[in-house]
C-alpha atoms as a PDB file:
ATOM      1  CA  MET A   1       0.000   0.000   0.000  1.00  0.00           C
ATOM      2  CA  SER A   2       1.309   3.455  -0.903  1.00  0.00           C
ATOM      3  CA  PRO A   3       2.022   5.909   1.926  1.00  0.00           C
ATOM      4  CA  GLU A   4      -0.998   7.857   3.103  1.00  0.00           C
ATOM      5  CA  ILE A   5      -1.093  11.627   2.523  1.00  0.00           C
ATOM      6  CA  GLN A   6      -2.475  13.980   5.169  1.00  0.00           C
ATOM      7  CA  LEU A   7      -2.988  17.659   5.818  1.00  0.00           C
ATOM      8  CA  ALA A   8      -0.722  18.718   8.680  1.00  0.00           C
ATOM      9  CA  GLY A   9      -2.715  21.699   9.946  1.00  0.00           C
ATOM     10  CA  ILE A  10      -4.274  24.916   8.677  1.00  0.00           C
ATOM     11  CA  HIS A  11      -4.595  25.246   4.900  1.00  0.00           C
ATOM     12  CA  PRO A  12      -4.185  28.745   3.383  1.00  0.00           C
ATOM     13  CA  ARG A  13      -7.094  30.934   2.442  1.00  0.00           C
ATOM     14  CA  SER A  14      -7.454  32.334  -1.055  1.00  0.00           C
ATOM     15  CA  GLU A  15      -6.688  35.978  -1.757  1.00  0.00           C
ATOM     16  CA  ARG A  16     -10.422  36.495  -2.200  1.00  0.00           C
ATOM     17  CA  LEU A  17     -11.199  35.138   1.278  1.00  0.00           C
ATOM     18  CA  ILE A  18      -8.345  37.092   2.859  1.00  0.00           C
ATOM     19  CA  GLU A  19      -9.636  40.318   1.324  1.00  0.00           C
ATOM     20  CA  LEU A  20     -13.221  39.572   2.400  1.00  0.00           C
ATOM     21  CA  THR A  21     -12.072  38.927   5.961  1.00  0.00           C
ATOM     22  CA  ARG A  22     -10.148  42.198   6.063  1.00  0.00           C
ATOM     23  CA  SER A  23     -13.134  44.020   4.614  1.00  0.00           C
ATOM     24  CA  TYR A  24     -15.381  42.540   7.307  1.00  0.00           C
ATOM     25  CA  GLU A  25     -12.949  43.664  10.025  1.00  0.00           C
ATOM     26  CA  ARG A  26     -13.214  47.205   8.595  1.00  0.00           C
ATOM     27  CA  ALA A  27     -17.030  46.910   8.616  1.00  0.00           C
ATOM     28  CA  LYS A  28     -17.099  47.144   4.816  1.00  0.00           C
ATOM     29  CA  SER A  29     -18.619  43.703   4.191  1.00  0.00           C
ATOM     30  CA  SER A  30     -20.969  41.377   6.051  1.00  0.00           C
ATOM     31  CA  TRP A  31     -20.050  38.177   7.856  1.00  0.00           C
ATOM     32  CA  SER A  32     -22.495  36.316   5.598  1.00  0.00           C
ATOM     33  CA  GLN A  33     -20.238  37.140   2.634  1.00  0.00           C
ATOM     34  CA  VAL A  34     -17.253  35.726   4.495  1.00  0.00           C
ATOM     35  CA  GLU A  35     -19.280  32.618   5.437  1.00  0.00           C
ATOM     36  CA  VAL A  36     -20.227  31.916   1.825  1.00  0.00           C
ATOM     37  CA  GLN A  37     -16.587  32.089   0.709  1.00  0.00           C
ATOM     38  CA  LEU A  38     -15.411  30.017   3.685  1.00  0.00           C
ATOM     39  CA  GLU A  39     -17.882  27.273   2.867  1.00  0.00           C
ATOM     40  CA  GLN A  40     -16.954  27.276  -0.814  1.00  0.00           C
ATOM     41  CA  GLU A  41     -13.215  26.983  -0.098  1.00  0.00           C
ATOM     42  CA  THR A  42     -13.747  24.334   2.554  1.00  0.00           C
ATOM     43  CA  LYS A  43     -15.664  22.244   0.023  1.00  0.00           C
ATOM     44  CA  GLU A  44     -12.817  22.761  -2.466  1.00  0.00           C
ATOM     45  CA  ILE A  45     -10.095  21.530  -0.092  1.00  0.00           C
ATOM     46  CA  ILE A  46     -12.207  18.493   0.805  1.00  0.00           C
ATOM     47  CA  LYS A  47     -12.722  17.777  -2.911  1.00  0.00           C
ATOM     48  CA  LEU A  48      -8.964  18.114  -3.498  1.00  0.00           C
ATOM     49  CA  GLN A  49      -8.274  15.556  -0.772  1.00  0.00           C
ATOM     50  CA  GLU A  50     -10.764  13.198  -2.435  1.00  0.00           C
ATOM     51  CA  SER A  51      -9.069  13.574  -5.815  1.00  0.00           C
ATOM     52  CA  LEU A  52      -5.632  12.886  -4.312  1.00  0.00           C
ATOM     53  CA  GLY A  53      -6.716   9.720  -2.543  1.00  0.00           C
ATOM     54  CA  PHE A  54      -6.654  10.887   1.075  1.00  0.00           C
ATOM     55  CA  ARG A  55      -7.931   8.439   3.706  1.00  0.00           C
ATOM     56  CA  HIS A  56      -8.245  10.877   6.628  1.00  0.00           C
ATOM     57  CA  PHE A  57     -10.077  14.081   5.745  1.00  0.00           C
ATOM     58  CA  SER A  58      -9.636  17.542   7.249  1.00  0.00           C
ATOM     59  CA  ASP A  59     -11.766  20.610   6.619  1.00  0.00           C
ATOM     60  CA  GLY A  60      -8.576  22.669   6.297  1.00  0.00           C
ATOM     61  CA  SER A  61      -9.321  24.765   9.420  1.00  0.00           C
ATOM     62  CA  LEU A  62      -9.828  27.774   7.148  1.00  0.00           C
ATOM     63  CA  ALA A  63     -11.862  29.621   9.772  1.00  0.00           C
ATOM     64  CA  TRP A  64      -9.094  29.418  12.386  1.00  0.00           C
ATOM     65  CA  GLN A  65      -7.418  32.786  12.958  1.00  0.00           C
ATOM     66  CA  ASP A  66      -4.358  31.014  14.378  1.00  0.00           C
ATOM     67  CA  GLN A  67      -3.313  27.601  15.674  1.00  0.00           C
ATOM     68  CA  LEU A  68      -4.124  28.281  19.352  1.00  0.00           C
ATOM     69  CA  ARG A  69      -7.291  30.350  19.363  1.00  0.00           C
ATOM     70  CA  PRO A  70      -9.991  27.626  19.204  1.00  0.00           C
ATOM     71  CA  ILE A  71      -8.431  25.956  22.264  1.00  0.00           C
ATOM     72  CA  THR A  72      -7.977  29.305  24.027  1.00  0.00           C
ATOM     73  CA  ARG A  73     -11.658  30.148  23.597  1.00  0.00           C
ATOM     74  CA  SER A  74     -12.700  26.741  24.942  1.00  0.00           C
ATOM     75  CA  LEU A  75     -10.929  27.072  28.294  1.00  0.00           C
ATOM     76  CA  TYR A  76     -11.883  28.609  31.595  1.00  0.00           C
ATOM     77  CA  GLY A  77      -8.987  30.453  33.221  1.00  0.00           C
ATOM     78  CA  VAL A  78      -7.559  31.653  29.891  1.00  0.00           C
ATOM     79  CA  GLU A  79      -8.127  34.972  28.126  1.00  0.00           C
ATOM     80  CA  SER A  80      -7.232  35.931  24.569  1.00  0.00           C
ATOM     81  CA  GLY A  81      -5.949  39.411  25.372  1.00  0.00           C
ATOM     82  CA  THR A  82      -4.787  41.809  22.681  1.00  0.00           C
ATOM     83  CA  ARG A  83      -1.112  40.894  22.441  1.00  0.00           C
ATOM     84  CA  TYR A  84       0.129  39.213  19.272  1.00  0.00           C
ATOM     85  CA  SER A  85       3.364  37.231  19.059  1.00  0.00           C
ATOM     86  CA  ARG A  86       5.287  35.869  16.089  1.00  0.00           C
ATOM     87  CA  TRP A  87       4.574  32.234  15.254  1.00  0.00           C
ATOM     88  CA  PHE A  88       8.115  30.866  15.524  1.00  0.00           C
ATOM     89  CA  ASP A  89      10.257  32.164  12.649  1.00  0.00           C
ATOM     90  CA  THR A  90       7.411  32.721  10.185  1.00  0.00           C
ATOM     91  CA  ASN A  91       5.793  35.957   9.034  1.00  0.00           C
ATOM     92  CA  THR A  92       2.529  35.129  10.807  1.00  0.00           C
ATOM     93  CA  PHE A  93       1.326  35.942  14.303  1.00  0.00           C
ATOM     94  CA  TYR A  94      -0.901  34.406  16.949  1.00  0.00           C
ATOM     95  CA  GLN A  95      -2.981  35.910  19.730  1.00  0.00           C
ATOM     96  CA  LYS A  96      -1.110  35.008  22.904  1.00  0.00           C
ATOM     97  CA  PRO A  97      -3.270  33.197  25.487  1.00  0.00           C
ATOM     98  CA  ILE A  98      -3.117  34.702  28.981  1.00  0.00           C
ATOM     99  CA  VAL A  99      -3.559  32.312  31.891  1.00  0.00           C
ATOM    100  CA  VAL A 100      -5.454  34.218  34.592  1.00  0.00           C
ATOM    101  CA  GLY A 101      -6.927  31.401  36.684  1.00  0.00           C
ATOM    102  CA  LYS A 102      -7.128  27.656  37.107  1.00  0.00           C
ATOM    103  CA  ILE A 103      -7.547  26.076  33.667  1.00  0.00           C
ATOM    104  CA  SER A 104     -10.423  23.751  32.880  1.00  0.00           C
ATOM    105  CA  ALA A 105     -12.518  22.861  29.844  1.00  0.00           C
ATOM    106  CA  GLY A 106     -15.233  25.426  29.230  1.00  0.00           C
ATOM    107  CA  ASP A 107     -18.052  25.805  26.748  1.00  0.00           C
ATOM    108  CA  ILE A 108     -17.068  24.233  23.455  1.00  0.00           C
ATOM    109  CA  ASP A 109     -18.504  25.362  20.134  1.00  0.00           C
ATOM    110  CA  PRO A 110     -17.855  22.406  17.805  1.00  0.00           C
ATOM    111  CA  ARG A 111     -18.246  24.628  14.727  1.00  0.00           C
ATOM    112  CA  SER A 112     -15.222  26.668  15.847  1.00  0.00           C
ATOM    113  CA  PHE A 113     -13.116  23.510  15.497  1.00  0.00           C
ATOM    114  CA  LEU A 114     -14.613  21.534  12.630  1.00  0.00           C
ATOM    115  CA  ARG A 115     -17.166  21.941   9.829  1.00  0.00           C
ATOM    116  CA  THR A 116     -18.704  18.509  10.353  1.00  0.00           C
ATOM    117  CA  GLU A 117     -21.645  19.222   8.048  1.00  0.00           C
ATOM    118  CA  LEU A 118     -19.217  19.629   5.140  1.00  0.00           C
ATOM    119  CA  LEU A 119     -17.468  16.361   6.015  1.00  0.00           C
ATOM    120  CA  ALA A 120     -20.680  14.338   5.814  1.00  0.00           C
ATOM    121  CA  GLY A 121     -19.944  10.873   4.450  1.00  0.00           C
ATOM    122  CA  LYS A 122     -16.269  11.038   5.467  1.00  0.00           C
ATOM    123  CA  VAL A 123     -15.792   8.249   8.013  1.00  0.00           C
ATOM    124  CA  GLU A 124     -12.145   9.051   8.800  1.00  0.00           C
ATOM    125  CA  ARG A 125     -11.801  12.651   9.989  1.00  0.00           C
ATOM    126  CA  LYS A 126      -8.640  14.382  11.159  1.00  0.00           C
ATOM    127  CA  ILE A 127      -8.076  17.516  13.201  1.00  0.00           C
ATOM    128  CA  THR A 128      -4.818  19.206  14.214  1.00  0.00           C
ATOM    129  CA  LEU A 129      -4.515  20.756  17.679  1.00  0.00           C
ATOM    130  CA  PRO A 130      -1.644  22.295  19.630  1.00  0.00           C
ATOM    131  CA  GLY A 131      -0.175  19.787  22.074  1.00  0.00           C
ATOM    132  CA  PRO A 132      -0.388  20.628  25.795  1.00  0.00           C
ATOM    133  CA  TYR A 133       3.302  21.478  26.098  1.00  0.00           C
ATOM    134  CA  THR A 134       3.326  23.853  23.131  1.00  0.00           C
ATOM    135  CA  PHE A 135       0.099  25.535  24.245  1.00  0.00           C
ATOM    136  CA  SER A 136       1.505  26.126  27.730  1.00  0.00           C
ATOM    137  CA  GLN A 137       4.860  27.348  26.399  1.00  0.00           C
ATOM    138  CA  LEU A 138       3.279  29.888  24.062  1.00  0.00           C
ATOM    139  CA  SER A 139       0.927  31.251  26.731  1.00  0.00           C
ATOM    140  CA  GLU A 140       1.583  33.996  29.251  1.00  0.00           C
ATOM    141  CA  ASN A 141       1.189  32.540  32.750  1.00  0.00           C
ATOM    142  CA  LYS A 142      -0.198  34.973  35.344  1.00  0.00           C
ATOM    143  CA  HIS A 143      -1.666  32.410  37.720  1.00  0.00           C
ATOM    144  CA  TYR A 144       0.329  29.220  38.300  1.00  0.00           C
ATOM    145  CA  LYS A 145       3.359  29.295  40.577  1.00  0.00           C
ATOM    146  CA  ASN A 146       4.332  25.770  39.548  1.00  0.00           C
ATOM    147  CA  TYR A 147       4.727  25.123  35.816  1.00  0.00           C
ATOM    148  CA  ALA A 148       3.997  21.413  36.270  1.00  0.00           C
ATOM    149  CA  ASP A 149       0.537  22.268  37.635  1.00  0.00           C
ATOM    150  CA  LEU A 150      -0.167  24.477  34.631  1.00  0.00           C
ATOM    151  CA  LEU A 151       0.830  21.728  32.222  1.00  0.00           C
ATOM    152  CA  VAL A 152      -1.288  19.111  34.020  1.00  0.00           C
ATOM    153  CA  ASP A 153      -4.389  21.298  33.869  1.00  0.00           C
ATOM    154  CA  VAL A 154      -3.879  22.138  30.186  1.00  0.00           C
ATOM    155  CA  ALA A 155      -3.597  18.421  29.410  1.00  0.00           C
ATOM    156  CA  LEU A 156      -6.726  17.513  31.388  1.00  0.00           C
ATOM    157  CA  ALA A 157      -8.760  20.269  29.745  1.00  0.00           C
ATOM    158  CA  GLU A 158      -7.529  19.362  26.267  1.00  0.00           C
ATOM    159  CA  ARG A 159      -8.487  15.729  26.876  1.00  0.00           C
ATOM    160  CA  GLU A 160     -12.066  16.842  27.597  1.00  0.00           C
ATOM    161  CA  ILE A 161     -12.162  18.965  24.459  1.00  0.00           C
ATOM    162  CA  ILE A 162     -10.855  16.064  22.399  1.00  0.00           C
ATOM    163  CA  GLN A 163     -13.500  13.715  23.762  1.00  0.00           C
ATOM    164  CA  LYS A 164     -16.225  16.095  22.594  1.00  0.00           C
ATOM    165  CA  LEU A 165     -14.587  16.331  19.162  1.00  0.00           C
ATOM    166  CA  LYS A 166     -14.402  12.548  19.044  1.00  0.00           C
ATOM    167  CA  ASN A 167     -18.165  12.519  19.521  1.00  0.00           C
ATOM    168  CA  LEU A 168     -18.345  14.545  16.287  1.00  0.00           C
ATOM    169  CA  GLY A 169     -16.687  11.730  14.378  1.00  0.00           C
ATOM    170  CA  VAL A 170     -13.023  12.760  14.552  1.00  0.00           C
ATOM    171  CA  THR A 171     -10.936   9.589  14.322  1.00  0.00           C
ATOM    172  CA  LEU A 172      -7.403  11.036  14.139  1.00  0.00           C
ATOM    173  CA  PHE A 173      -5.946  13.818  16.273  1.00  0.00           C
ATOM    174  CA  GLN A 174      -2.601  15.407  15.449  1.00  0.00           C
ATOM    175  CA  LEU A 175      -1.012  17.011  18.502  1.00  0.00           C
ATOM    176  CA  SER A 176       1.488  19.559  17.208  1.00  0.00           C
ATOM    177  CA  GLU A 177       4.452  19.979  19.570  1.00  0.00           C
ATOM    178  CA  PRO A 178       6.985  22.265  17.864  1.00  0.00           C
ATOM    179  CA  CYS A 179       8.133  23.597  21.253  1.00  0.00           C
ATOM    180  CA  LEU A 180       9.688  20.210  21.987  1.00  0.00           C
ATOM    181  CA  VAL A 181      12.278  20.845  19.281  1.00  0.00           C
ATOM    182  CA  TYR A 182      12.326  24.625  18.741  1.00  0.00           C
ATOM    183  CA  GLN A 183      12.942  26.997  21.646  1.00  0.00           C
ATOM    184  CA  PRO A 184      14.903  30.118  20.613  1.00  0.00           C
ATOM    185  CA  TYR A 185      11.989  32.126  22.057  1.00  0.00           C
ATOM    186  CA  ARG A 186      13.137  31.129  25.572  1.00  0.00           C
ATOM    187  CA  LYS A 187      15.983  32.573  27.606  1.00  0.00           C
ATOM    188  CA  GLY A 188      17.024  29.103  28.732  1.00  0.00           C
ATOM    189  CA  PHE A 189      16.645  25.806  26.877  1.00  0.00           C
ATOM    190  CA  ARG A 190      14.463  23.157  28.502  1.00  0.00           C
ATOM    191  CA  ASP A 191      16.164  20.355  30.459  1.00  0.00           C
ATOM    192  CA  GLN A 192      15.352  16.657  30.628  1.00  0.00           C
ATOM    193  CA  SER A 193      13.010  17.079  33.588  1.00  0.00           C
ATOM    194  CA  GLU A 194      10.876  19.442  31.500  1.00  0.00           C
ATOM    195  CA  VAL A 195      10.887  16.981  28.613  1.00  0.00           C
ATOM    196  CA  GLU A 196       9.565  14.345  30.988  1.00  0.00           C
ATOM    197  CA  LEU A 197       6.807  16.713  32.119  1.00  0.00           C
ATOM    198  CA  ALA A 198       5.885  17.368  28.480  1.00  0.00           C
ATOM    199  CA  LEU A 199       5.775  13.672  27.616  1.00  0.00           C
ATOM    200  CA  ARG A 200       3.705  12.964  30.719  1.00  0.00           C
ATOM    201  CA  ALA A 201       1.223  15.640  29.638  1.00  0.00           C
ATOM    202  CA  ILE A 202       0.919  14.062  26.196  1.00  0.00           C
ATOM    203  CA  ARG A 203       0.324  10.665  27.826  1.00  0.00           C
ATOM    204  CA  SER A 204      -2.457  12.231  29.881  1.00  0.00           C
ATOM    205  CA  VAL A 205      -4.148  13.648  26.770  1.00  0.00           C
ATOM    206  CA  VAL A 206      -4.038  10.390  24.793  1.00  0.00           C
ATOM    207  CA  LYS A 207      -4.709   7.871  27.581  1.00  0.00           C
ATOM    208  CA  ASP A 208      -8.356   7.198  26.663  1.00  0.00           C
ATOM    209  CA  ASN A 209      -7.738   6.340  22.982  1.00  0.00           C
ATOM    210  CA  PRO A 210      -3.981   6.192  22.230  1.00  0.00           C
ATOM    211  CA  ALA A 211      -4.501   4.725  18.745  1.00  0.00           C
ATOM    212  CA  ASP A 212      -6.273   7.938  17.672  1.00  0.00           C
ATOM    213  CA  PHE A 213      -3.234  10.206  18.078  1.00  0.00           C
ATOM    214  CA  VAL A 214      -0.070  11.263  16.289  1.00  0.00           C
ATOM    215  CA  VAL A 215       2.440  13.751  17.708  1.00  0.00           C
ATOM    216  CA  GLN A 216       4.042  16.056  15.149  1.00  0.00           C
ATOM    217  CA  THR A 217       7.246  18.019  15.772  1.00  0.00           C
ATOM    218  CA  TYR A 218       8.491  20.722  13.415  1.00  0.00           C
ATOM    219  CA  PHE A 219      10.760  23.756  12.992  1.00  0.00           C
ATOM    220  CA  GLY A 220      13.502  21.895  14.882  1.00  0.00           C
ATOM    221  CA  ASP A 221      15.624  18.745  14.916  1.00  0.00           C
ATOM    222  CA  GLY A 222      13.482  15.805  15.973  1.00  0.00           C
ATOM    223  CA  ALA A 223      16.316  13.277  16.127  1.00  0.00           C
ATOM    224  CA  PRO A 224      17.340  13.734  19.793  1.00  0.00           C
ATOM    225  CA  LEU A 225      13.798  13.116  21.068  1.00  0.00           C
ATOM    226  CA  LEU A 226      12.726  10.512  18.531  1.00  0.00           C
ATOM    227  CA  PRO A 227      13.286   7.429  20.737  1.00  0.00           C
ATOM    228  CA  GLU A 228      11.190   8.955  23.525  1.00  0.00           C
ATOM    229  CA  LEU A 229       8.463  10.020  21.105  1.00  0.00           C
ATOM    230  CA  LEU A 230       8.316   6.539  19.598  1.00  0.00           C
ATOM    231  CA  ASP A 231       7.885   5.189  23.122  1.00  0.00           C
ATOM    232  CA  LEU A 232       4.665   7.175  23.626  1.00  0.00           C
ATOM    233  CA  PRO A 233       1.376   5.214  23.532  1.00  0.00           C
ATOM    234  CA  ILE A 234       0.255   6.776  20.237  1.00  0.00           C
ATOM    235  CA  SER A 235      -0.189   5.570  16.667  1.00  0.00           C
ATOM    236  CA  GLY A 236       2.372   7.822  14.992  1.00  0.00           C
ATOM    237  CA  VAL A 237       5.176  10.367  15.284  1.00  0.00           C
ATOM    238  CA  GLY A 238       5.959  13.231  12.907  1.00  0.00           C
ATOM    239  CA  ILE A 239       9.396  14.601  11.995  1.00  0.00           C
ATOM    240  CA  ASP A 240      10.356  17.756  10.081  1.00  0.00           C
ATOM    241  CA  LEU A 241      12.886  16.492   7.535  1.00  0.00           C
ATOM    242  CA  PHE A 242      13.941  20.047   6.650  1.00  0.00           C
ATOM    243  CA  GLU A 243      15.287  20.518  10.168  1.00  0.00           C
ATOM    244  CA  THR A 244      16.366  16.937  10.910  1.00  0.00           C
ATOM    245  CA  ASP A 245      19.564  15.488   9.458  1.00  0.00           C
ATOM    246  CA  ILE A 246      18.674  11.945   8.407  1.00  0.00           C
ATOM    247  CA  SER A 247      22.287  10.831   8.798  1.00  0.00           C
ATOM    248  CA  SER A 248      22.200  11.850  12.472  1.00  0.00           C
ATOM    249  CA  LEU A 249      19.369   9.462  13.278  1.00  0.00           C
ATOM    250  CA  SER A 250      20.337   6.461  15.338  1.00  0.00           C
ATOM    251  CA  GLU A 251      19.607   3.073  13.834  1.00  0.00           C
ATOM    252  CA  GLN A 252      16.261   1.866  15.175  1.00  0.00           C
ATOM    253  CA  GLU A 253      14.591  -1.488  15.324  1.00  0.00           C
ATOM    254  CA  LYS A 254      11.549  -1.554  13.091  1.00  0.00           C
ATOM    255  CA  THR A 255       8.783   0.442  14.692  1.00  0.00           C
ATOM    256  CA  SER A 256       5.125  -0.490  14.453  1.00  0.00           C
ATOM    257  CA  LYS A 257       4.163   3.176  14.688  1.00  0.00           C
ATOM    258  CA  ALA A 258       3.355   5.280  11.664  1.00  0.00           C
ATOM    259  CA  VAL A 259       5.988   7.898  10.931  1.00  0.00           C
ATOM    260  CA  VAL A 260       4.679  11.162   9.500  1.00  0.00           C
ATOM    261  CA  VAL A 261       7.365  12.376   7.127  1.00  0.00           C
ATOM    262  CA  GLY A 262       7.341  16.176   6.925  1.00  0.00           C
ATOM    263  CA  VAL A 263       8.869  16.225   3.481  1.00  0.00           C
ATOM    264  CA  VAL A 264       7.444  19.334   1.827  1.00  0.00           C
ATOM    265  CA  ASP A 265       8.378  22.683   3.332  1.00  0.00           C
ATOM    266  CA  SER A 266       5.453  24.797   4.540  1.00  0.00           C
ATOM    267  CA  ARG A 267       7.598  27.947   4.699  1.00  0.00           C
ATOM    268  CA  GLU A 268       8.938  27.779   1.140  1.00  0.00           C
ATOM    269  CA  SER A 269       7.028  28.429  -2.116  1.00  0.00           C
ATOM    270  CA  PHE A 270       9.266  26.096  -4.113  1.00  0.00           C
ATOM    271  CA  ILE A 271       7.310  23.003  -5.217  1.00  0.00           C
ATOM    272  CA  GLU A 272       9.260  19.894  -4.274  1.00  0.00           C
ATOM    273  CA  ASN A 273       9.887  17.315  -7.011  1.00  0.00           C
ATOM    274  CA  PRO A 274       7.849  14.116  -6.416  1.00  0.00           C
ATOM    275  CA  SER A 275      10.877  11.942  -7.252  1.00  0.00           C
ATOM    276  CA  TRP A 276      12.965  13.810  -4.672  1.00  0.00           C
ATOM    277  CA  ILE A 277      10.197  13.437  -2.088  1.00  0.00           C
ATOM    278  CA  ALA A 278       9.937   9.693  -2.688  1.00  0.00           C
ATOM    279  CA  ASP A 279      13.717   9.209  -2.618  1.00  0.00           C
ATOM    280  CA  THR A 280      14.138  11.257   0.570  1.00  0.00           C
ATOM    281  CA  ALA A 281      11.317   9.387   2.282  1.00  0.00           C
ATOM    282  CA  ARG A 282      12.848   6.075   1.223  1.00  0.00           C
ATOM    283  CA  LYS A 283      16.224   6.969   2.735  1.00  0.00           C
ATOM    284  CA  PHE A 284      14.512   8.088   5.932  1.00  0.00           C
ATOM    285  CA  SER A 285      12.459   4.892   6.097  1.00  0.00           C
ATOM    286  CA  GLU A 286      15.524   2.698   5.623  1.00  0.00           C
ATOM    287  CA  LYS A 287      17.491   4.586   8.257  1.00  0.00           C
ATOM    288  CA  LEU A 288      14.706   4.510  10.813  1.00  0.00           C
ATOM    289  CA  GLY A 289      13.339   1.083  10.064  1.00  0.00           C
ATOM    290  CA  ALA A 290       9.840   2.507   9.595  1.00  0.00           C
ATOM    291  CA  ARG A 291       7.324   0.290   7.843  1.00  0.00           C
ATOM    292  CA  ASP A 292       4.294   2.602   7.867  1.00  0.00           C
ATOM    293  CA  LEU A 293       4.845   6.082   6.402  1.00  0.00           C
ATOM    294  CA  VAL A 294       2.560   9.100   6.048  1.00  0.00           C
ATOM    295  CA  PHE A 295       3.569  11.870   3.630  1.00  0.00           C
ATOM    296  CA  ALA A 296       2.784  15.421   4.751  1.00  0.00           C
ATOM    297  CA  SER A 297       4.100  18.956   4.902  1.00  0.00           C
ATOM    298  CA  ASN A 298       6.386  19.646   7.845  1.00  0.00           C
ATOM    299  CA  SER A 299       3.747  21.959   9.380  1.00  0.00           C
ATOM    300  CA  ASP A 300       0.662  24.011   8.475  1.00  0.00           C
ATOM    301  CA  LEU A 301       0.668  25.019   4.809  1.00  0.00           C
ATOM    302  CA  LYS A 302      -0.970  28.352   5.699  1.00  0.00           C
ATOM    303  CA  PHE A 303       2.389  30.136   5.276  1.00  0.00           C
ATOM    304  CA  VAL A 304       2.322  29.839   1.459  1.00  0.00           C
ATOM    305  CA  PRO A 305      -0.314  30.953  -1.096  1.00  0.00           C
ATOM    306  CA  GLN A 306      -3.234  28.586  -1.566  1.00  0.00           C
ATOM    307  CA  GLU A 307      -2.265  27.631  -5.132  1.00  0.00           C
ATOM    308  CA  ILE A 308       1.240  26.712  -3.973  1.00  0.00           C
ATOM    309  CA  ALA A 309      -0.141  24.691  -1.064  1.00  0.00           C
ATOM    310  CA  ASN A 310      -2.419  22.740  -3.402  1.00  0.00           C
ATOM    311  CA  GLN A 311       0.500  21.980  -5.726  1.00  0.00           C
ATOM    312  CA  LYS A 312       2.538  20.722  -2.778  1.00  0.00           C
ATOM    313  CA  LEU A 313      -0.268  18.309  -1.895  1.00  0.00           C
ATOM    314  CA  GLU A 314      -0.341  17.115  -5.499  1.00  0.00           C
ATOM    315  CA  ALA A 315       3.423  16.561  -5.356  1.00  0.00           C
ATOM    316  CA  LEU A 316       2.975  14.468  -2.206  1.00  0.00           C
ATOM    317  CA  SER A 317       0.322  12.369  -3.964  1.00  0.00           C
ATOM    318  CA  LYS A 318       2.584  11.709  -6.972  1.00  0.00           C
ATOM    319  CA  ALA A 319       5.496  10.917  -4.627  1.00  0.00           C
ATOM    320  CA  SER A 320       3.371   8.388  -2.774  1.00  0.00           C
ATOM    321  CA  GLU A 321       2.682   6.590  -6.059  1.00  0.00           C
ATOM    322  CA  LEU A 322       6.381   6.621  -6.962  1.00  0.00           C
ATOM    323  CA  PHE A 323       7.326   5.323  -3.531  1.00  0.00           C
ATOM    324  CA  GLU A 324       4.928   2.398  -3.850  1.00  0.00           C
ATOM    325  CA  ALA A 325       6.089   1.588  -7.390  1.00  0.00           C
ATOM    326  CA  SER A 326       9.796   1.407  -6.464  1.00  0.00           C
END
């Protein structure tokens, strides 16, 4: 069977939708106009996934303003605030969550996470959420004296949110944990005790249905943490091959987990050659001893224009066919 292809997060909006959204924010157009365009483009990204042979379908998260906000707005003890921070080393920004009290799951609006009505008939549904460690690291903490307590409460609340999304038919959850491998935003780099706290938080989130989760790392070298990630009770682990030197990976015994190969670059408009993608994935698979591969972008494709993002998905589809044929 050829490697599966998956969306790895938020898909970009068209220029038309971007302009409509800006016009709405200036009170020059109605929200109904934005809604019509959102629905049209969501249908288009679902149709593209169908044409490319996807098995797990995403709605593209086109309505998400940033990667954290749907979670932020579903938590008690967390405010959105007005401060915006750069999303790692990209040219996009996110609204920084402010922790002002004890965190717990609050009122959840399913439509803010997933357009289930547009995914009707799709049995396998995927959603990408920030992992508990990354969410806590990118928040401003004004309440907890002990970081471990903050992380525990984020994980418990996220587990409740995920259970409600599971009731909507979501069968695969990607927990994005870039902060495990990228931390130039911090004055001091995390130590092993903090890594253990992060992994414990992930275990807490996935404990009810471990087979429904993959953990994706990106924007940093995943090699040092790979053995510990593969030891998590989850179905798959994702690695950013643009930041990870394949030759530095330690030889592994064959793993039964799926390995999500981040082999197209979400921060670069260059369209990767399908033959190069297949060859790179093959070398990675042989080095790691991985039997089950998933082809994806290294992170959300929202950083490139929509047309470029669609072409990158098409390149992944062609690469998957080449990989299977070799």
